[in-house]
Amino acid sequence: MRDTPDPKTLPLLLLDWYDLHARKMPWRVGPDDRRQGITPDPYRIWMSEIMLQQTTVATVRDYFQRFVTRWPTVAALAAAEDAEVMGEWAGLGYYARARNLLKCARMVVDVHDGVFPSDHDMLLKLPGIGPYTAAAISAIAFDQRHTVLDGNVERVMARLYDIHTPLPAAKSELMAKAEALTPALRPGDYAQAVMDLGATICSPKSPACEICPWRAFCAARCTGTQIELPRKTPKKPKPLRHGTVYLAQREDGAWLLETRPDKGLLGGMLGWPGSDWTESAEPRPLGTPPVAAEWQKLTGEVRHTFTHFHLILTVMVATVPKNSAGSFVPRNKFRPSDLPTVMRKAYDLSQI
């Protein structure tokens, strides 16, 4: 037997739990802070939400700290050089987020006088802000009653109500359940509380049901199906693509680099010249070298996985004369950390 879920009781139980167990986040204003009259900074909430898209909290923490230290306000970020922001973002992945980060910051400054709009519909008009992010900013930054449905919340709802419809088809049903529980009182804290519940208690593989504040109401716990949920439609196998990158270093130590086009994968990021990435039977040198030189194929290869495909890169290296044409970055200004992960893997291979 289980208790009947009550839309009034469940949020109160969860908020009581959150007041004692809220995770500490560099962008979060916790329950104790709120009691002292401290309110969230919409800039920091927006920044964290953009970074957290398809990225773990553990990965985001250091990036977030670096960004807000270097650019503490939206005006400071809006005034930053594109290359500097893209360099700081390198390694975080999903680089369209970084391009939209700059576009959004500049629109907030130009259109909204440097103040993030509190209106949900206005937030949706900003670059890079979709329904999920707008709901998160509205709830967490402005304490408005909006429902945030991320992977953690989907899992909690699927288990609480024993919903076996597989994702993504179940999203509308899970959203309806989540919306029904979202309270008018402390909606920002509640949004963070239910995400924390999924991240720390209602975890994917080993849920700690015995210490869950909602254990008495959980239908999946009652039927013993919690480990199975949420169900997901099997993904199609990712295709394998191959390509070649060319690492040219001048005799004075400068590296030949290019800024990738704004649109497309790794858009706006620094990278090595190279071929297109195509599906082929096996790795082999592809494309045309950027400069004439005695190119050598490195032993080994770069392997990297993107959202929609796996990639294998052949790495070619050469030393070229000082007078070689091209966009060379001097040795003292080249930072491997400015490269996206797949390009940094190629550099690391060249240094072995």
Protein backbone atom coordinates (compact mmCIF):
# COMPACT_ATOMS: atom_id res chain seq x y z
CA MET A 1 0.00 0.00 0.00
CA ARG A 2 1.06 3.56 -0.58
CA ASP A 3 -0.30 6.90 0.48
CA THR A 4 -2.25 8.88 -2.13
CA PRO A 5 -0.05 11.66 -3.59
CA ASP A 6 -1.34 15.01 -2.39
CA PRO A 7 -0.31 18.07 -4.48
CA LYS A 8 -0.23 20.11 -1.28
CA THR A 9 1.59 17.68 0.99
CA LEU A 10 4.34 16.49 -1.37
CA PRO A 11 5.88 19.93 -2.08
CA LEU A 12 5.95 20.76 1.65
CA LEU A 13 7.68 17.47 2.48
CA LEU A 14 10.22 18.06 -0.27
CA LEU A 15 10.92 21.65 0.78
CA ASP A 16 11.49 20.51 4.37
CA TRP A 17 13.98 17.95 3.05
CA TYR A 18 15.64 20.56 0.81
CA ASP A 19 16.08 22.98 3.70
CA LEU A 20 18.29 20.37 5.36
CA HIS A 21 19.97 18.72 2.36
CA ALA A 22 20.25 21.30 -0.44
CA ARG A 23 23.38 20.82 -2.52
CA LYS A 24 25.92 23.63 -2.40
CA MET A 25 26.36 25.18 -5.84
CA PRO A 26 28.47 28.25 -6.74
CA TRP A 27 25.48 29.74 -8.58
CA ARG A 28 22.84 28.80 -6.03
CA VAL A 29 21.26 30.90 -3.30
CA GLY A 30 20.42 28.26 -0.71
CA PRO A 31 17.65 28.20 1.90
CA ASP A 32 19.84 29.77 4.58
CA ASP A 33 20.86 32.56 2.19
CA ARG A 34 17.24 33.28 1.31
CA ARG A 35 16.33 33.54 4.98
CA GLN A 36 19.00 36.23 5.27
CA GLY A 37 17.38 38.18 2.46
CA ILE A 38 19.88 37.19 -0.26
CA THR A 39 18.25 36.81 -3.67
CA PRO A 40 19.55 34.95 -6.73
CA ASP A 41 21.48 36.80 -9.42
CA PRO A 42 19.67 36.17 -12.75
CA TYR A 43 22.99 36.47 -14.59
CA ARG A 44 24.54 33.63 -12.59
CA ILE A 45 21.40 31.50 -12.87
CA TRP A 46 21.28 32.01 -16.64
CA MET A 47 24.99 31.25 -16.98
CA SER A 48 24.72 28.04 -14.98
CA GLU A 49 21.63 26.84 -16.83
CA ILE A 50 23.28 27.33 -20.23
CA MET A 51 26.39 25.49 -19.07
CA LEU A 52 24.40 22.66 -17.49
CA GLN A 53 22.61 21.78 -20.71
CA GLN A 54 23.66 18.17 -21.43
CA THR A 55 26.63 18.65 -19.07
CA THR A 56 27.18 17.42 -15.52
CA VAL A 57 27.38 19.62 -12.44
CA ALA A 58 30.87 18.30 -11.70
CA THR A 59 32.12 19.44 -15.12
CA VAL A 60 30.39 22.82 -15.00
CA ARG A 61 31.62 24.01 -11.58
CA ASP A 62 35.12 25.07 -12.64
CA TYR A 63 33.97 26.58 -15.93
CA PHE A 64 31.31 28.60 -14.15
CA GLN A 65 33.79 29.92 -11.59
CA ARG A 66 36.23 30.96 -14.31
CA PHE A 67 33.54 32.71 -16.35
CA VAL A 68 32.00 34.72 -13.52
CA THR A 69 35.43 35.63 -12.16
CA ARG A 70 36.56 36.91 -15.54
CA TRP A 71 33.18 38.39 -16.53
CA PRO A 72 31.26 39.10 -13.29
CA THR A 73 28.32 40.86 -14.98
CA VAL A 74 26.32 40.42 -18.15
CA ALA A 75 27.70 43.76 -19.37
CA ALA A 76 31.27 42.53 -18.92
CA LEU A 77 30.49 39.36 -20.86
CA ALA A 78 28.75 41.32 -23.62
CA ALA A 79 31.89 43.45 -24.07
CA ALA A 80 34.23 40.45 -24.24
CA GLU A 81 36.06 39.39 -27.40
CA ASP A 82 34.44 36.39 -29.08
CA ALA A 83 37.73 34.50 -29.24
CA GLU A 84 38.33 34.92 -25.51
CA VAL A 85 34.91 33.56 -24.59
CA MET A 86 35.21 30.65 -27.02
CA GLY A 87 38.64 29.88 -25.61
CA GLU A 88 37.33 29.76 -22.04
CA TRP A 89 34.47 27.52 -23.20
CA ALA A 90 36.83 25.06 -24.91
CA GLY A 91 36.34 21.53 -23.64
CA LEU A 92 32.80 22.12 -22.37
CA GLY A 93 31.27 20.98 -25.66
CA TYR A 94 28.09 21.89 -27.52
CA TYR A 95 29.75 25.07 -28.75
CA ALA A 96 26.57 26.66 -30.12
CA ARG A 97 25.86 27.38 -26.46
CA ALA A 98 28.92 29.64 -26.26
CA ARG A 99 27.94 31.54 -29.40
CA ASN A 100 24.42 32.02 -28.08
CA LEU A 101 25.85 33.03 -24.70
CA LEU A 102 27.49 36.05 -26.32
CA LYS A 103 24.45 36.86 -28.46
CA CYS A 104 22.18 36.70 -25.44
CA ALA A 105 24.45 38.83 -23.24
CA ARG A 106 24.65 41.49 -25.94
CA MET A 107 20.88 41.52 -26.43
CA VAL A 108 20.32 41.85 -22.68
CA VAL A 109 22.64 44.87 -22.69
CA ASP A 110 21.37 46.43 -25.91
CA VAL A 111 17.65 45.78 -25.54
CA HIS A 112 17.10 45.41 -21.79
CA ASP A 113 19.68 47.88 -20.41
CA GLY A 114 21.79 45.10 -18.93
CA VAL A 115 18.97 43.63 -16.82
CA PHE A 116 17.59 40.15 -17.46
CA PRO A 117 13.83 40.40 -18.06
CA SER A 118 11.69 38.73 -15.40
CA ASP A 119 8.89 38.12 -17.90
CA HIS A 120 8.88 34.50 -19.07
CA ASP A 121 7.80 35.35 -22.63
CA MET A 122 10.57 37.95 -22.91
CA LEU A 123 13.12 35.39 -21.79
CA LEU A 124 12.02 33.08 -24.60
CA LYS A 125 12.95 35.78 -27.13
CA LEU A 126 16.60 35.80 -26.03
CA PRO A 127 19.14 33.75 -28.06
CA GLY A 128 19.80 30.28 -26.68
CA ILE A 129 16.90 30.33 -24.22
CA GLY A 130 14.24 27.71 -24.90
CA PRO A 131 11.27 26.56 -22.80
CA TYR A 132 13.35 24.62 -20.27
CA THR A 133 15.88 27.38 -19.64
CA ALA A 134 13.20 30.09 -19.52
CA ALA A 135 11.29 28.05 -16.93
CA ALA A 136 14.43 27.51 -14.86
CA ILE A 137 15.36 31.21 -14.87
CA SER A 138 11.78 32.27 -14.12
CA ALA A 139 11.50 29.86 -11.20
CA ILE A 140 14.99 30.00 -9.69
CA ALA A 141 15.97 33.61 -10.37
CA PHE A 142 12.56 35.27 -10.03
CA ASP A 143 10.64 32.77 -7.85
CA GLN A 144 7.81 32.48 -10.34
CA ARG A 145 5.63 29.38 -10.59
CA HIS A 146 7.16 27.62 -13.60
CA THR A 147 7.89 23.92 -13.88
CA VAL A 148 11.41 22.72 -14.64
CA LEU A 149 11.60 19.28 -16.25
CA ASP A 150 15.13 17.95 -16.66
CA GLY A 151 16.30 14.34 -16.70
CA ASN A 152 16.33 14.14 -12.90
CA VAL A 153 12.74 15.40 -12.63
CA GLU A 154 11.59 13.06 -15.39
CA ARG A 155 12.99 10.13 -13.44
CA VAL A 156 11.37 11.25 -10.18
CA MET A 157 7.96 11.69 -11.82
CA ALA A 158 8.15 8.40 -13.71
CA ARG A 159 8.85 6.55 -10.47
CA LEU A 160 6.47 8.50 -8.25
CA TYR A 161 3.56 7.69 -10.58
CA ASP A 162 4.94 4.38 -12.01
CA ILE A 163 4.76 5.67 -15.58
CA HIS A 164 6.02 3.06 -18.07
CA THR A 165 5.55 5.00 -21.30
CA PRO A 166 9.08 5.30 -22.74
CA LEU A 167 10.83 8.60 -23.23
CA PRO A 168 10.67 10.79 -25.23
CA ALA A 169 6.98 9.93 -25.78
CA ALA A 170 6.32 10.25 -22.02
CA LYS A 171 7.52 13.87 -21.77
CA SER A 172 4.08 15.48 -21.93
CA GLU A 173 2.68 13.09 -19.32
CA LEU A 174 5.66 13.65 -17.02
CA MET A 175 5.38 17.42 -17.46
CA ALA A 176 1.71 17.31 -16.51
CA LYS A 177 2.53 15.42 -13.32
CA ALA A 178 5.39 17.80 -12.51
CA GLU A 179 3.25 20.88 -13.13
CA ALA A 180 0.52 19.59 -10.83
CA LEU A 181 3.05 19.38 -7.98
CA THR A 182 4.75 22.74 -8.55
CA PRO A 183 3.68 24.98 -5.65
CA ALA A 184 2.97 28.69 -5.63
CA LEU A 185 5.00 28.91 -2.42
CA ARG A 186 8.80 28.92 -2.95
CA PRO A 187 8.65 27.64 -6.54
CA GLY A 188 12.34 28.42 -7.07
CA ASP A 189 13.43 26.36 -4.10
CA TYR A 190 11.01 23.61 -5.09
CA ALA A 191 12.45 23.45 -8.63
CA GLN A 192 15.94 22.99 -7.21
CA ALA A 193 14.68 20.57 -4.56
CA VAL A 194 13.10 18.15 -7.02
CA MET A 195 16.24 18.25 -9.18
CA ASP A 196 18.36 17.57 -6.09
CA LEU A 197 16.07 14.69 -5.16
CA GLY A 198 16.68 13.07 -8.52
CA ALA A 199 20.42 13.72 -8.45
CA THR A 200 21.11 12.50 -4.91
CA ILE A 201 18.31 10.16 -3.78
CA CYS A 202 16.25 9.03 -6.78
CA SER A 203 19.38 8.21 -8.76
CA PRO A 204 19.33 6.14 -11.97
CA LYS A 205 20.85 2.85 -10.80
CA SER A 206 20.75 2.76 -7.00
CA PRO A 207 17.91 4.89 -5.65
CA ALA A 208 18.09 5.41 -1.88
CA CYS A 209 14.38 4.80 -1.40
CA GLU A 210 14.54 4.34 2.38
CA ILE A 211 15.65 7.93 2.96
CA CYS A 212 13.47 9.55 0.28
CA PRO A 213 11.00 12.13 1.62
CA TRP A 214 8.45 10.85 -0.91
CA ARG A 215 8.92 7.12 -0.24
CA ALA A 216 5.42 6.64 1.23
CA PHE A 217 3.84 8.04 -1.94
CA CYS A 218 6.00 6.37 -4.61
CA ALA A 219 4.06 3.96 -6.82
CA ALA A 220 7.18 2.43 -8.39
CA ARG A 221 8.64 1.70 -4.96
CA CYS A 222 5.38 -0.05 -4.05
CA THR A 223 5.45 -2.24 -7.18
CA GLY A 224 9.24 -2.70 -7.17
CA THR A 225 9.72 -1.20 -10.63
CA GLN A 226 11.79 1.85 -9.67
CA ILE A 227 15.03 0.53 -11.19
CA GLU A 228 13.29 0.03 -14.55
CA LEU A 229 12.10 3.63 -14.77
CA PRO A 230 12.05 5.80 -16.69
CA ARG A 231 11.88 3.62 -19.76
CA LYS A 232 13.56 4.94 -22.88
CA THR A 233 13.12 4.21 -26.55
CA PRO A 234 16.34 2.54 -27.80
CA LYS A 235 18.63 4.90 -29.65
CA LYS A 236 19.83 4.22 -33.16
CA PRO A 237 23.50 3.21 -33.44
CA LYS A 238 25.81 6.16 -34.07
CA PRO A 239 27.57 6.20 -37.44
CA LEU A 240 31.36 6.29 -37.66
CA ARG A 241 33.09 9.09 -39.55
CA HIS A 242 36.72 9.64 -40.50
CA GLY A 243 38.77 12.73 -41.18
CA THR A 244 42.26 14.19 -41.19
CA VAL A 245 43.78 17.14 -39.35
CA TYR A 246 47.04 18.84 -40.26
CA LEU A 247 49.27 20.19 -37.48
CA ALA A 248 51.82 22.56 -38.96
CA GLN A 249 54.41 24.21 -36.70
CA ARG A 250 56.77 26.85 -38.01
CA GLU A 251 60.46 26.71 -37.23
CA ASP A 252 59.93 29.52 -34.71
CA GLY A 253 57.33 27.43 -32.82
CA ALA A 254 54.15 29.10 -34.10
CA TRP A 255 51.17 26.85 -34.89
CA LEU A 256 48.89 27.06 -37.93
CA LEU A 257 45.31 27.33 -36.70
CA GLU A 258 41.95 28.34 -38.10
CA THR A 259 38.70 29.60 -36.63
CA ARG A 260 35.91 27.31 -37.71
CA PRO A 261 32.79 28.82 -39.35
CA ASP A 262 30.16 30.05 -36.90
CA LYS A 263 27.62 27.56 -38.15
CA GLY A 264 28.14 23.85 -37.80
CA LEU A 265 29.93 21.58 -35.37
CA LEU A 266 32.59 23.33 -33.25
CA GLY A 267 31.44 26.60 -34.80
CA GLY A 268 33.53 29.62 -33.87
CA MET A 269 36.20 27.53 -32.16
CA LEU A 270 39.91 27.35 -32.91
CA GLY A 271 40.98 24.20 -34.69
CA TRP A 272 43.51 22.54 -36.95
CA PRO A 273 43.05 22.73 -40.71
CA GLY A 274 41.70 19.48 -42.05
CA SER A 275 39.32 17.53 -44.21
CA ASP A 276 35.59 17.05 -44.00
CA TRP A 277 34.42 14.27 -41.70
CA THR A 278 32.88 11.56 -43.84
CA GLU A 279 31.63 8.03 -43.41
CA SER A 280 34.18 5.69 -44.94
CA ALA A 281 35.41 2.14 -44.52
CA GLU A 282 38.67 2.94 -42.74
CA PRO A 283 40.91 5.81 -41.59
CA ARG A 284 43.19 7.28 -44.25
CA PRO A 285 44.66 10.71 -45.01
CA LEU A 286 41.88 12.85 -46.47
CA GLY A 287 41.71 16.35 -47.86
CA THR A 288 44.46 18.68 -49.02
CA PRO A 289 47.30 19.84 -46.73
CA PRO A 290 47.06 23.57 -45.91
CA VAL A 291 50.70 24.21 -46.88
CA ALA A 292 53.30 22.36 -48.90
CA ALA A 293 55.55 20.38 -46.56
CA GLU A 294 56.91 16.94 -45.81
CA TRP A 295 53.86 15.67 -43.94
CA GLN A 296 54.21 12.69 -41.63
CA LYS A 297 51.35 10.53 -40.43
CA LEU A 298 51.44 10.00 -36.67
CA THR A 299 51.19 6.56 -35.18
CA GLY A 300 47.86 6.27 -33.45
CA GLU A 301 44.65 8.16 -34.07
CA VAL A 302 42.20 10.48 -32.37
CA ARG A 303 38.87 9.00 -31.33
CA HIS A 304 36.03 11.20 -30.19
CA THR A 305 32.28 10.84 -29.79
CA PHE A 306 29.81 13.59 -30.59
CA THR A 307 26.09 13.51 -29.93
CA HIS A 308 25.22 11.97 -33.28
CA PHE A 309 28.34 10.15 -34.45
CA HIS A 310 31.73 8.67 -33.56
CA LEU A 311 34.82 10.20 -35.15
CA ILE A 312 38.30 8.89 -35.95
CA LEU A 313 40.92 11.42 -37.03
CA THR A 314 44.21 10.75 -38.76
CA VAL A 315 46.82 13.26 -37.58
CA MET A 316 49.42 14.60 -39.99
CA VAL A 317 52.31 16.76 -38.76
CA ALA A 318 54.97 18.89 -40.41
CA THR A 319 57.53 21.56 -39.61
CA VAL A 320 57.32 24.49 -42.03
CA PRO A 321 59.59 27.50 -42.77
CA LYS A 322 59.28 30.79 -40.89
CA ASN A 323 57.96 32.57 -43.98
CA SER A 324 55.06 30.13 -44.51
CA ALA A 325 51.74 31.84 -45.25
CA GLY A 326 48.71 31.30 -43.08
CA SER A 327 47.17 32.20 -39.73
CA PHE A 328 49.94 31.19 -37.36
CA VAL A 329 49.62 31.67 -33.59
CA PRO A 330 52.96 32.44 -31.88
CA ARG A 331 54.25 29.85 -29.44
CA ASN A 332 53.86 32.21 -26.45
CA LYS A 333 50.21 32.92 -27.29
CA PHE A 334 49.14 29.37 -28.11
CA ARG A 335 47.16 27.69 -25.35
CA PRO A 336 46.10 24.08 -25.95
CA SER A 337 43.30 24.68 -23.45
CA ASP A 338 41.68 27.06 -25.98
CA LEU A 339 41.07 24.13 -28.31
CA PRO A 340 37.89 22.04 -28.25
CA THR A 341 38.45 18.56 -26.85
CA VAL A 342 38.76 16.72 -30.15
CA MET A 343 41.37 19.22 -31.41
CA ARG A 344 43.26 19.09 -28.14
CA LYS A 345 43.41 15.30 -28.45
CA ALA A 346 45.16 15.75 -31.80
CA TYR A 347 47.65 18.17 -30.23
CA ASP A 348 48.28 15.80 -27.32
CA LEU A 349 48.95 12.96 -29.75
CA SER A 350 51.51 15.13 -31.56
CA GLN A 351 53.39 15.70 -28.30
CA ILE A 352 53.93 12.05 -27.46
